[in-house]
């Protein structure tokens, strides 16, 4: 399975889905899909590194925790991220996000994401790889 991200329709909100050969890769792609709701990730330079650690009772809740931590970091630092690297150890995540401060003239931010929800939340095997998905409130 080739790692990739995509959006899926969900009422007024937006579904994000990441796929990859491993759960970690699927989480990274879900984060990239979330960035792509705001701006084209190809316009975001990976200049600054932000470390993120979180834990949850299971992989599904860990996905929402990961995405919500990214939303918090984007809001408080006024940044966008375009590159992610994480390690999963059960329901614990250690990772990094690389990005840069928002430049409205270059990034053209479309919306602000309020949070990752439990709607359509799923982390699991699919075909030859893994999928990590949820709906984000915009």
N, C-alpha and C. Protein backbone atom coordinates (compact mmCIF):
# COMPACT_ATOMS: atom_id res chain seq x y z
N UNK A 1 0.84 -1.17 0.00
CA UNK A 1 0.00 0.00 0.00
C UNK A 1 0.88 1.24 0.00
N UNK A 2 0.58 2.15 -0.89
CA UNK A 2 1.32 3.40 -0.97
C UNK A 2 0.72 4.39 0.02
N UNK A 3 1.58 5.05 0.78
CA UNK A 3 1.11 6.04 1.75
C UNK A 3 0.49 7.21 1.01
N UNK A 4 -0.66 7.65 1.48
CA UNK A 4 -1.29 8.83 0.91
C UNK A 4 -2.34 9.36 1.88
N UNK A 5 -2.86 10.55 1.55
CA UNK A 5 -3.92 11.14 2.35
C UNK A 5 -5.04 11.54 1.42
N UNK A 6 -6.24 11.71 2.00
CA UNK A 6 -7.40 12.15 1.23
C UNK A 6 -8.44 12.73 2.17
N UNK A 7 -9.39 13.43 1.59
CA UNK A 7 -10.54 13.95 2.34
C UNK A 7 -11.74 13.11 1.96
N UNK A 8 -12.73 13.04 2.85
CA UNK A 8 -13.99 12.41 2.50
C UNK A 8 -15.11 13.29 3.03
N UNK A 9 -16.22 13.36 2.31
CA UNK A 9 -17.31 14.27 2.69
C UNK A 9 -18.00 13.84 3.97
N UNK A 10 -18.37 14.84 4.78
CA UNK A 10 -19.11 14.55 6.00
C UNK A 10 -19.87 15.81 6.42
N UNK A 11 -21.06 16.01 5.89
CA UNK A 11 -21.89 17.16 6.25
C UNK A 11 -21.13 18.46 6.14
N UNK A 12 -21.19 19.29 7.19
CA UNK A 12 -20.53 20.58 7.18
C UNK A 12 -19.06 20.46 7.60
N UNK A 13 -18.66 19.30 8.10
CA UNK A 13 -17.28 19.10 8.53
C UNK A 13 -16.51 18.37 7.44
N UNK A 14 -15.26 18.03 7.71
CA UNK A 14 -14.42 17.37 6.71
C UNK A 14 -13.78 16.13 7.32
N UNK A 15 -13.86 15.03 6.60
CA UNK A 15 -13.19 13.81 7.02
C UNK A 15 -11.76 13.81 6.53
N UNK A 16 -10.85 13.34 7.38
CA UNK A 16 -9.46 13.17 6.98
C UNK A 16 -9.10 11.70 7.11
N UNK A 17 -8.37 11.23 6.13
CA UNK A 17 -7.97 9.82 6.12
C UNK A 17 -6.52 9.72 5.68
N UNK A 18 -5.75 8.99 6.44
CA UNK A 18 -4.37 8.71 6.06
C UNK A 18 -4.19 7.21 5.93
N UNK A 19 -3.42 6.80 4.95
CA UNK A 19 -3.11 5.39 4.79
C UNK A 19 -1.60 5.22 4.70
N UNK A 20 -1.14 4.04 5.07
CA UNK A 20 0.28 3.77 4.99
C UNK A 20 0.57 2.32 5.28
N UNK A 21 1.83 1.95 5.19
CA UNK A 21 2.24 0.58 5.44
C UNK A 21 2.20 0.25 6.93
N UNK A 22 2.27 1.28 7.77
CA UNK A 22 2.26 1.09 9.23
C UNK A 22 1.23 2.05 9.84
N UNK A 23 0.80 1.80 11.07
CA UNK A 23 -0.09 2.75 11.74
C UNK A 23 0.55 4.14 11.86
N UNK A 24 1.85 4.20 12.15
CA UNK A 24 2.53 5.50 12.27
C UNK A 24 2.46 6.27 10.96
N UNK A 25 2.68 5.60 9.86
CA UNK A 25 2.62 6.25 8.55
C UNK A 25 1.20 6.73 8.26
N UNK A 26 0.20 5.96 8.64
CA UNK A 26 -1.19 6.38 8.45
C UNK A 26 -1.50 7.62 9.29
N UNK A 27 -0.99 7.69 10.53
CA UNK A 27 -1.18 8.87 11.38
C UNK A 27 -0.52 10.10 10.75
N UNK A 28 0.68 9.93 10.20
CA UNK A 28 1.39 11.04 9.56
C UNK A 28 0.59 11.55 8.36
N UNK A 29 0.04 10.63 7.58
CA UNK A 29 -0.74 11.04 6.40
C UNK A 29 -2.06 11.69 6.80
N UNK A 30 -2.67 11.25 7.90
CA UNK A 30 -3.89 11.90 8.39
C UNK A 30 -3.59 13.34 8.79
N UNK A 31 -2.43 13.57 9.40
CA UNK A 31 -2.02 14.92 9.77
C UNK A 31 -1.81 15.78 8.53
N UNK A 32 -1.24 15.21 7.50
CA UNK A 32 -1.04 15.94 6.25
C UNK A 32 -2.39 16.28 5.61
N UNK A 33 -3.33 15.34 5.66
CA UNK A 33 -4.68 15.60 5.14
C UNK A 33 -5.33 16.75 5.90
N UNK A 34 -5.09 16.81 7.20
CA UNK A 34 -5.67 17.89 7.99
C UNK A 34 -5.06 19.24 7.59
N UNK A 35 -3.75 19.28 7.40
CA UNK A 35 -3.11 20.52 6.93
C UNK A 35 -3.70 20.95 5.61
N UNK A 36 -3.96 20.00 4.72
CA UNK A 36 -4.45 20.31 3.38
C UNK A 36 -5.86 20.90 3.38
N UNK A 37 -6.57 20.80 4.50
CA UNK A 37 -7.87 21.48 4.60
C UNK A 37 -7.64 22.99 4.71
N UNK A 38 -6.56 23.37 5.37
CA UNK A 38 -6.26 24.78 5.62
C UNK A 38 -5.54 25.41 4.43
N UNK A 39 -4.52 24.73 3.95
CA UNK A 39 -3.68 25.28 2.87
C UNK A 39 -3.02 24.13 2.12
N UNK A 40 -2.49 24.43 0.96
CA UNK A 40 -1.75 23.44 0.17
C UNK A 40 -0.46 23.11 0.91
N UNK A 41 -0.27 21.87 1.36
CA UNK A 41 0.95 21.53 2.10
C UNK A 41 2.23 21.79 1.31
N UNK A 42 2.14 21.78 -0.01
CA UNK A 42 3.32 22.02 -0.84
C UNK A 42 3.83 23.46 -0.73
N UNK A 43 3.01 24.36 -0.19
CA UNK A 43 3.44 25.75 -0.01
C UNK A 43 4.04 26.01 1.36
N UNK A 44 4.03 24.99 2.23
CA UNK A 44 4.51 25.15 3.61
C UNK A 44 5.93 24.59 3.71
N UNK A 45 6.87 25.45 4.04
CA UNK A 45 8.27 25.03 4.19
C UNK A 45 8.48 24.38 5.57
N UNK A 46 9.14 23.22 5.62
CA UNK A 46 9.40 22.56 6.90
C UNK A 46 10.62 23.17 7.61
N UNK A 47 10.50 24.43 8.05
CA UNK A 47 11.63 25.17 8.62
C UNK A 47 11.83 24.94 10.11
N UNK A 48 10.74 24.84 10.87
CA UNK A 48 10.83 24.72 12.32
C UNK A 48 10.24 23.39 12.77
N UNK A 49 10.90 22.79 13.75
CA UNK A 49 10.45 21.50 14.29
C UNK A 49 9.74 21.72 15.63
N UNK A 50 8.59 21.07 15.77
CA UNK A 50 7.84 21.08 17.02
C UNK A 50 7.68 19.63 17.45
N UNK A 51 8.12 19.33 18.68
CA UNK A 51 8.00 17.96 19.20
C UNK A 51 6.65 17.80 19.90
N UNK A 52 6.06 16.65 19.70
CA UNK A 52 4.75 16.37 20.28
C UNK A 52 4.75 14.97 20.88
N UNK A 53 4.27 14.86 22.10
CA UNK A 53 4.09 13.57 22.74
C UNK A 53 2.68 13.52 23.30
N UNK A 54 2.04 12.38 23.15
CA UNK A 54 0.70 12.21 23.72
C UNK A 54 0.43 10.73 23.93
N UNK A 55 -0.63 10.48 24.69
CA UNK A 55 -1.03 9.11 24.98
C UNK A 55 -2.54 9.06 25.08
N UNK A 56 -3.08 7.87 24.90
CA UNK A 56 -4.52 7.65 24.98
C UNK A 56 -4.76 6.17 25.27
N UNK A 57 -5.96 5.81 25.67
CA UNK A 57 -6.25 4.40 26.01
C UNK A 57 -6.15 3.43 24.83
N UNK A 58 -6.33 3.93 23.58
CA UNK A 58 -6.27 3.05 22.41
C UNK A 58 -5.85 3.85 21.18
N UNK A 59 -5.61 3.15 20.07
CA UNK A 59 -5.12 3.81 18.86
C UNK A 59 -6.11 4.82 18.29
N UNK A 60 -7.41 4.53 18.35
CA UNK A 60 -8.39 5.46 17.81
C UNK A 60 -8.36 6.80 18.58
N UNK A 61 -8.40 6.70 19.90
CA UNK A 61 -8.35 7.92 20.70
C UNK A 61 -7.00 8.62 20.58
N UNK A 62 -5.96 7.84 20.34
CA UNK A 62 -4.64 8.43 20.13
C UNK A 62 -4.61 9.26 18.85
N UNK A 63 -5.30 8.80 17.81
CA UNK A 63 -5.37 9.59 16.57
C UNK A 63 -6.00 10.95 16.84
N UNK A 64 -7.11 10.99 17.56
CA UNK A 64 -7.75 12.29 17.83
C UNK A 64 -6.86 13.15 18.73
N UNK A 65 -6.18 12.53 19.69
CA UNK A 65 -5.27 13.28 20.55
C UNK A 65 -4.14 13.89 19.73
N UNK A 66 -3.54 13.11 18.83
CA UNK A 66 -2.47 13.58 17.94
C UNK A 66 -2.94 14.76 17.10
N UNK A 67 -4.07 14.61 16.45
CA UNK A 67 -4.57 15.69 15.59
C UNK A 67 -4.94 16.92 16.41
N UNK A 68 -5.53 16.74 17.57
CA UNK A 68 -5.88 17.89 18.42
C UNK A 68 -4.64 18.59 18.95
N UNK A 69 -3.59 17.86 19.23
CA UNK A 69 -2.33 18.50 19.64
C UNK A 69 -1.76 19.32 18.50
N UNK A 70 -1.85 18.80 17.28
CA UNK A 70 -1.38 19.56 16.12
C UNK A 70 -2.21 20.84 15.94
N UNK A 71 -3.52 20.73 16.10
CA UNK A 71 -4.40 21.90 15.98
C UNK A 71 -4.01 22.94 17.02
N UNK A 72 -3.75 22.50 18.25
CA UNK A 72 -3.33 23.41 19.32
C UNK A 72 -2.01 24.10 18.96
N UNK A 73 -1.04 23.32 18.49
CA UNK A 73 0.26 23.90 18.12
C UNK A 73 0.13 24.88 16.96
N UNK A 74 -0.70 24.56 15.98
CA UNK A 74 -0.91 25.49 14.86
C UNK A 74 -1.52 26.79 15.35
N UNK A 75 -2.50 26.69 16.24
CA UNK A 75 -3.19 27.89 16.73
C UNK A 75 -2.30 28.74 17.62
N UNK A 76 -1.62 28.13 18.56
CA UNK A 76 -0.82 28.92 19.52
C UNK A 76 0.46 29.44 18.91
N UNK A 77 1.04 28.72 17.99
CA UNK A 77 2.29 29.16 17.35
C UNK A 77 2.03 29.93 16.05
N UNK A 78 0.76 29.93 15.61
CA UNK A 78 0.39 30.54 14.32
C UNK A 78 1.25 29.96 13.19
N UNK A 79 1.25 28.63 13.15
CA UNK A 79 2.06 27.89 12.18
C UNK A 79 1.20 26.93 11.37
N UNK A 80 1.76 26.50 10.26
CA UNK A 80 1.24 25.38 9.48
C UNK A 80 2.35 24.35 9.39
N UNK A 81 1.97 23.08 9.30
CA UNK A 81 2.95 22.00 9.21
C UNK A 81 2.81 21.26 7.89
N UNK A 82 3.94 20.78 7.38
CA UNK A 82 3.90 20.05 6.11
C UNK A 82 4.67 18.73 6.14
N UNK A 83 5.31 18.44 7.27
CA UNK A 83 6.06 17.20 7.37
C UNK A 83 5.89 16.66 8.79
N UNK A 84 5.71 15.35 8.90
CA UNK A 84 5.45 14.72 10.18
C UNK A 84 6.25 13.44 10.28
N UNK A 85 6.71 13.13 11.48
CA UNK A 85 7.40 11.88 11.75
C UNK A 85 7.02 11.45 13.15
N UNK A 86 6.49 10.25 13.27
CA UNK A 86 6.08 9.77 14.59
C UNK A 86 6.52 8.34 14.83
N UNK A 87 6.60 8.02 16.11
CA UNK A 87 6.83 6.64 16.56
C UNK A 87 5.68 6.29 17.48
N UNK A 88 5.10 5.12 17.27
CA UNK A 88 4.03 4.63 18.12
C UNK A 88 4.54 3.50 18.98
N UNK A 89 4.19 3.55 20.25
CA UNK A 89 4.51 2.47 21.18
C UNK A 89 3.21 2.15 21.91
N UNK A 90 2.45 1.23 21.33
CA UNK A 90 1.11 0.95 21.87
C UNK A 90 0.24 2.17 21.68
N UNK A 91 -0.27 2.71 22.78
CA UNK A 91 -1.13 3.89 22.71
C UNK A 91 -0.37 5.15 23.15
N UNK A 92 0.95 5.16 22.93
CA UNK A 92 1.79 6.34 23.19
C UNK A 92 2.41 6.79 21.87
N UNK A 93 2.49 8.09 21.70
CA UNK A 93 3.02 8.66 20.47
C UNK A 93 4.10 9.66 20.82
N UNK A 94 5.22 9.56 20.11
CA UNK A 94 6.28 10.57 20.16
C UNK A 94 6.52 10.98 18.73
N UNK A 95 6.45 12.29 18.49
CA UNK A 95 6.61 12.71 17.11
C UNK A 95 7.10 14.13 16.97
N UNK A 96 7.26 14.50 15.71
CA UNK A 96 7.68 15.84 15.35
C UNK A 96 6.86 16.30 14.17
N UNK A 97 6.62 17.61 14.16
CA UNK A 97 5.96 18.26 13.03
C UNK A 97 6.86 19.41 12.60
N UNK A 98 7.07 19.52 11.31
CA UNK A 98 7.89 20.60 10.77
C UNK A 98 7.02 21.53 9.96
N UNK A 99 7.25 22.82 10.12
CA UNK A 99 6.47 23.79 9.37
C UNK A 99 7.05 25.18 9.50
N UNK A 100 6.18 26.16 9.31
CA UNK A 100 6.61 27.55 9.36
C UNK A 100 5.42 28.42 9.77
N UNK A 101 5.71 29.67 10.20
CA UNK A 101 4.62 30.58 10.52
C UNK A 101 3.73 30.82 9.30
N UNK A 102 2.45 31.03 9.57
CA UNK A 102 1.50 31.28 8.49
C UNK A 102 1.87 32.57 7.77
N UNK A 103 1.93 32.49 6.46
CA UNK A 103 2.14 33.65 5.59
C UNK A 103 0.91 33.72 4.69
N UNK A 104 -0.03 34.59 5.06
CA UNK A 104 -1.31 34.64 4.35
C UNK A 104 -1.15 34.86 2.84
N UNK A 105 -0.15 35.60 2.43
CA UNK A 105 0.03 35.87 1.00
C UNK A 105 0.52 34.64 0.24
N UNK A 106 1.20 33.72 0.92
CA UNK A 106 1.70 32.51 0.28
C UNK A 106 0.83 31.29 0.53
N UNK A 107 0.31 31.16 1.76
CA UNK A 107 -0.44 29.97 2.13
C UNK A 107 -1.93 30.05 1.83
N UNK A 108 -2.48 31.24 1.78
CA UNK A 108 -3.91 31.43 1.51
C UNK A 108 -4.77 30.50 2.37
N UNK A 109 -4.68 30.62 3.71
CA UNK A 109 -5.46 29.72 4.56
C UNK A 109 -6.96 29.83 4.28
N UNK A 110 -7.60 28.68 4.12
CA UNK A 110 -9.01 28.63 3.73
C UNK A 110 -9.94 28.62 4.94
N UNK A 111 -9.63 27.83 5.95
CA UNK A 111 -10.49 27.68 7.12
C UNK A 111 -9.63 27.50 8.36
N UNK A 112 -10.28 27.56 9.51
CA UNK A 112 -9.62 27.24 10.76
C UNK A 112 -10.25 25.96 11.29
N UNK A 113 -9.42 25.02 11.67
CA UNK A 113 -9.94 23.76 12.21
C UNK A 113 -10.10 23.91 13.71
N UNK A 114 -11.29 23.54 14.20
CA UNK A 114 -11.60 23.67 15.63
C UNK A 114 -11.15 22.46 16.42
N UNK A 115 -11.27 21.27 15.84
CA UNK A 115 -10.86 20.08 16.56
C UNK A 115 -11.16 18.80 15.82
N UNK A 116 -10.45 17.74 16.21
CA UNK A 116 -10.71 16.41 15.68
C UNK A 116 -11.80 15.77 16.54
N UNK A 117 -12.72 15.08 15.92
CA UNK A 117 -13.87 14.50 16.62
C UNK A 117 -13.76 12.97 16.66
N UNK A 118 -14.74 12.35 17.27
CA UNK A 118 -14.81 10.89 17.30
C UNK A 118 -15.69 10.35 16.18
N UNK A 119 -16.21 11.22 15.34
CA UNK A 119 -17.08 10.83 14.24
C UNK A 119 -16.27 10.12 13.16
N UNK A 120 -16.77 8.97 12.71
CA UNK A 120 -16.12 8.16 11.68
C UNK A 120 -14.69 7.77 12.07
N UNK A 121 -14.40 7.76 13.36
CA UNK A 121 -13.07 7.45 13.87
C UNK A 121 -12.74 5.98 13.66
N UNK A 122 -11.59 5.76 13.02
CA UNK A 122 -11.17 4.38 12.76
C UNK A 122 -9.67 4.32 12.54
N UNK A 123 -9.04 3.37 13.18
CA UNK A 123 -7.64 3.03 12.93
C UNK A 123 -7.59 1.52 12.80
N UNK A 124 -7.12 1.03 11.68
CA UNK A 124 -7.06 -0.42 11.51
C UNK A 124 -6.45 -0.84 10.20
N UNK A 125 -6.31 -2.14 10.08
CA UNK A 125 -5.77 -2.70 8.84
C UNK A 125 -6.77 -2.54 7.70
N UNK A 126 -6.22 -2.28 6.54
CA UNK A 126 -7.04 -2.21 5.33
C UNK A 126 -6.17 -2.70 4.18
N UNK A 127 -6.56 -3.80 3.61
CA UNK A 127 -5.76 -4.37 2.52
C UNK A 127 -4.35 -4.70 2.99
N UNK A 128 -3.37 -4.16 2.31
CA UNK A 128 -1.95 -4.42 2.61
C UNK A 128 -1.38 -3.47 3.65
N UNK A 129 -2.18 -2.51 4.13
CA UNK A 129 -1.63 -1.52 5.04
C UNK A 129 -2.59 -1.12 6.14
N UNK A 130 -2.51 0.15 6.52
CA UNK A 130 -3.28 0.69 7.63
C UNK A 130 -4.01 1.95 7.21
N UNK A 131 -5.13 2.21 7.85
CA UNK A 131 -5.89 3.44 7.63
C UNK A 131 -6.11 4.10 9.00
N UNK A 132 -6.06 5.43 9.01
CA UNK A 132 -6.35 6.22 10.21
C UNK A 132 -7.25 7.38 9.74
N UNK A 133 -8.46 7.43 10.28
CA UNK A 133 -9.39 8.45 9.80
C UNK A 133 -10.26 8.98 10.93
N UNK A 134 -10.74 10.20 10.72
CA UNK A 134 -11.71 10.83 11.60
C UNK A 134 -12.28 12.06 10.89
N UNK A 135 -13.23 12.70 11.54
CA UNK A 135 -13.80 13.93 11.01
C UNK A 135 -13.30 15.09 11.86
N UNK A 136 -12.93 16.18 11.20
CA UNK A 136 -12.51 17.38 11.92
C UNK A 136 -13.56 18.46 11.77
N UNK A 137 -13.76 19.20 12.85
CA UNK A 137 -14.73 20.28 12.91
C UNK A 137 -14.08 21.55 12.36
N UNK A 138 -14.68 22.11 11.31
CA UNK A 138 -14.13 23.33 10.70
C UNK A 138 -15.08 24.50 10.90
